Amino acid sequence: MINVTPKATETIQAIIKEAKKTDPIRIFFAGYSCSGPSYMMAFDKKKEDDIEVKTDGFKLIFEKGIEEEMKDAVVDSVDTPEGPGVVVRVKSTSPSTCTSCAGCH
């Protein structure tokens, strides 16, 4: 199932502490980008049909409909100009990941 890197775990734990949140963190489909499907994360309440993954002091949740994509997903830490953050990386099942979004042209 979902693999959370040690650095991402540290970053998420810091975000939780700063936000003073106890809600699980939802991984959700956010659309397609040039590299294929894009997923984001946000604090949310667990719904009845959600899948829950417990990891190092926090819970990740997602809809059953994206279970296959989450099978090999990696949550990793990134450094941005705004500070540290996390990304969800999934393996693309498409041989060509370009979605003709015109963003690269």
Protein backbone atom coordinates (compact mmCIF):
# COMPACT_ATOMS: atom_id res chain seq x y z
CA MET A 1 0.00 0.00 0.00
CA ILE A 2 1.15 3.61 0.38
CA ASN A 3 4.80 4.13 1.31
CA VAL A 4 5.56 7.27 3.33
CA THR A 5 9.25 8.18 3.33
CA PRO A 6 10.89 9.02 6.68
CA LYS A 7 11.43 12.65 5.57
CA ALA A 8 7.76 12.97 4.55
CA THR A 9 6.73 11.51 7.92
CA GLU A 10 8.75 14.23 9.68
CA THR A 11 7.25 16.94 7.47
CA ILE A 12 3.66 15.69 7.96
CA GLN A 13 4.12 15.40 11.71
CA ALA A 14 5.41 19.01 11.80
CA ILE A 15 2.42 20.20 9.71
CA ILE A 16 0.00 18.39 12.03
CA LYS A 17 1.65 19.91 15.10
CA GLU A 18 1.63 23.42 13.64
CA ALA A 19 -1.98 23.14 12.43
CA LYS A 20 -3.09 21.51 15.71
CA LYS A 21 -5.18 19.03 13.73
CA THR A 22 -6.34 15.57 14.70
CA ASP A 23 -8.25 14.79 11.48
CA PRO A 24 -6.89 12.18 9.08
CA ILE A 25 -5.17 13.36 5.92
CA ARG A 26 -7.10 12.67 2.72
CA ILE A 27 -5.28 11.80 -0.49
CA PHE A 28 -7.48 12.76 -3.42
CA PHE A 29 -7.36 12.86 -7.21
CA ALA A 30 -6.66 16.44 -8.32
CA GLY A 31 -6.69 16.03 -12.12
CA TYR A 32 -4.14 15.27 -14.80
CA SER A 33 -0.84 16.98 -15.40
CA CYS A 34 1.86 16.44 -18.00
CA SER A 35 3.22 13.58 -15.89
CA GLY A 36 -0.14 11.81 -15.54
CA PRO A 37 -2.63 11.74 -12.67
CA SER A 38 -2.03 14.21 -9.87
CA TYR A 39 -2.95 13.65 -6.23
CA MET A 40 -3.10 16.12 -3.37
CA MET A 41 -3.51 15.93 0.39
CA ALA A 42 -5.70 17.78 2.89
CA PHE A 43 -7.09 17.31 6.38
CA ASP A 44 -10.57 15.77 6.21
CA LYS A 45 -13.06 13.60 8.05
CA LYS A 46 -13.17 9.88 7.32
CA LYS A 47 -16.20 8.73 5.35
CA GLU A 48 -17.83 5.32 5.65
CA ASP A 49 -16.36 3.89 2.42
CA ASP A 50 -12.86 5.36 2.83
CA ILE A 51 -9.76 3.24 3.13
CA GLU A 52 -7.56 4.14 6.08
CA VAL A 53 -3.83 3.65 6.36
CA LYS A 54 -2.24 4.19 9.77
CA THR A 55 1.36 5.32 9.79
CA ASP A 56 3.77 6.84 12.32
CA GLY A 57 1.39 8.99 14.33
CA PHE A 58 -1.16 9.97 11.68
CA LYS A 59 -3.78 8.43 9.41
CA LEU A 60 -4.08 8.68 5.64
CA ILE A 61 -7.48 8.16 4.03
CA PHE A 62 -8.66 7.87 0.43
CA GLU A 63 -11.70 6.77 -1.56
CA LYS A 64 -11.97 3.12 -2.57
CA GLY A 65 -12.09 4.29 -6.19
CA ILE A 66 -8.37 5.16 -6.17
CA GLU A 67 -7.22 2.09 -4.27
CA GLU A 68 -5.38 0.64 -7.28
CA GLU A 69 -3.40 3.84 -7.81
CA MET A 70 -2.47 4.00 -4.12
CA LYS A 71 -1.09 0.45 -4.19
CA ASP A 72 2.36 1.67 -5.27
CA ALA A 73 2.06 5.32 -4.20
CA VAL A 74 4.89 7.09 -2.42
CA VAL A 75 4.39 10.12 -0.20
CA ASP A 76 7.65 12.06 -0.26
CA SER A 77 9.01 15.32 1.11
CA VAL A 78 9.83 18.26 -1.16
CA ASP A 79 11.48 21.60 -0.56
CA THR A 80 9.75 24.56 -2.17
CA PRO A 81 10.35 28.32 -2.05
CA GLU A 82 7.43 28.46 0.42
CA GLY A 83 9.04 25.84 2.66
CA PRO A 84 8.87 22.06 3.07
CA GLY A 85 5.91 20.11 1.76
CA VAL A 86 4.84 16.68 0.63
CA VAL A 87 3.87 15.14 -2.70
CA VAL A 88 2.07 11.95 -3.66
CA ARG A 89 3.79 10.07 -6.47
CA VAL A 90 2.07 7.24 -8.32
CA LYS A 91 3.23 5.06 -11.18
CA SER A 92 1.60 6.06 -14.44
CA THR A 93 -0.12 3.21 -16.24
CA SER A 94 -0.11 5.13 -19.51
CA PRO A 95 2.78 4.64 -21.96
CA SER A 96 2.50 8.34 -22.84
CA THR A 97 1.73 10.56 -19.89
CA CYS A 98 1.17 13.75 -21.89
CA THR A 99 -2.44 14.87 -21.54
CA SER A 100 -2.24 17.68 -24.12
CA CYS A 101 -2.73 20.32 -21.44
CA ALA A 102 -0.75 22.89 -23.47
CA GLY A 103 1.34 23.69 -20.41
CA CYS A 104 4.61 22.66 -22.01
CA HIS A 105 4.14 24.30 -25.39
